């Protein structure tokens, strides 16, 4: 019922952003119910949207029945988030943290992290009614699918939370997390300087390295000089979002990505906790910043210990407990076989919990865990789904061109071929790769259709780049060399 009304209002105001609607900014069940009255001015439009949804349900149900008659099972997708301006956030805003954005820290897909821009969840509110909202999502999907991919299952352990004034995922932090406090740093003999550690560190040397001959122009337009020889952004440019908005409005090329990198040259992300106390989260890849490089060696050493403890030690038990708390309730609400998309920076607790709940794990050959260039599918266990690539990655044919040294190693060691790897991925080798994934102990082997087409030269797209499905946001923004590190 709310969705059809939402569609009518969205179309009327020509935007899904209900915050700027002239009416119905705040959801009212009574007002929505009134729109279904035959005498209401929007009755016909509301019923049209409701009718379309019903017809889609009938058509999909018919397709499901036909597939089942042929012995075909259907695998659906459960996205981890919802759009910021959606019917879900309109009707139940208390379930979401609208002042934050969800994303991912830097990983295989992005050197700068990813900002998905949808709001993070208010898990405590969801817990109060035993996660009814999530159970409803499972119930709605179950009639159509036999198995379900749980997108970014890491989000049930912890989410990467990004402040609204940031645009890049690199400026996020884990939630929930045990943050760093002043007391903790004092015990390590570090006097925490919030301005030095939590605001962009800008010096003449950094500016010259980034902007060269345009340094003075950047200084005069964007920066104010401080008494200690460093600089700070002017108030109107004091965040990545402000810089991004300025870049959209300005007709001049201000090298936006370099300005965003300058704004991200911090060591810690400041957060105010529920008690109003200021706590800190180490910035991802802190040691790669020029801010870190300009610290005394003893401070760098201590901060490196704090960083490693934050990311790889102190959180894992809490994440294990938080995930079990949610999944214990949710997984009993569905009969679907569940597969967790467990890619990215995976905590040690994730495979443990997935094994306990019999959730199949995803093994993408080019995204192995550990310090190896690629995963051998023969090592996959039964509770795995193996694949060559995903909707977020390049295709096999594209991957073949990404790193010649890795491909040569892959050609010799994984495909057991002698000599020099061919420049292009030949059909016979595509077939060999797929067969290596099919003849494993894994429960399922699922491939994008492009990989099937790559086994026959007659079916290949002449332009391999046209075969790619999705390009994750902020994926290698600065070309093949990755992101700017300052």
Foldseek 3Di string as FASTA:
>chain_A
DLQLVLVVQCVVVVHLCLCPRPPLSAPDPVVVVVCCDPPHPNNVSSVVVVVVVVVVVVVLLVVQVVCVVVVHFFEEEDEPFDAQSHSCCRHCVVQFDSQKFFWAADWPQANQTFTPRGTQTPVVVCVVVLNVVLLVVQVVCFSRGQAYEYEQLLVLLWTFIGGPLAHTSLLTFIPPFDFADCVNVVVVVDRDDCCLAAFQWAAPVLLCVLPPPCSVVCCVPFWDADPVRTIAGDPCCRGLNSLVVVVVVDPDCPVSQSVSQRRSLHQWHWDQDPVRDITTHGRPPNCLAVSLVPDPPSVNVVSVVVNCCRLANDRQVSSLVSSCSNCVSNVVSHNHQYAYAQATSHHPSVVVVCVVVLHAYEAAQCGDPDPDRGDQLQPDAASYEYEPDDLADAAPQVVCQLDLVSNQCCVCPVVVDDDHDDSTDALVVLVVVQVSNVPHNYNHYDYDVQSVLRNDPVSHDPDSVVPRRDRGPNRQVPPSVHGDHD
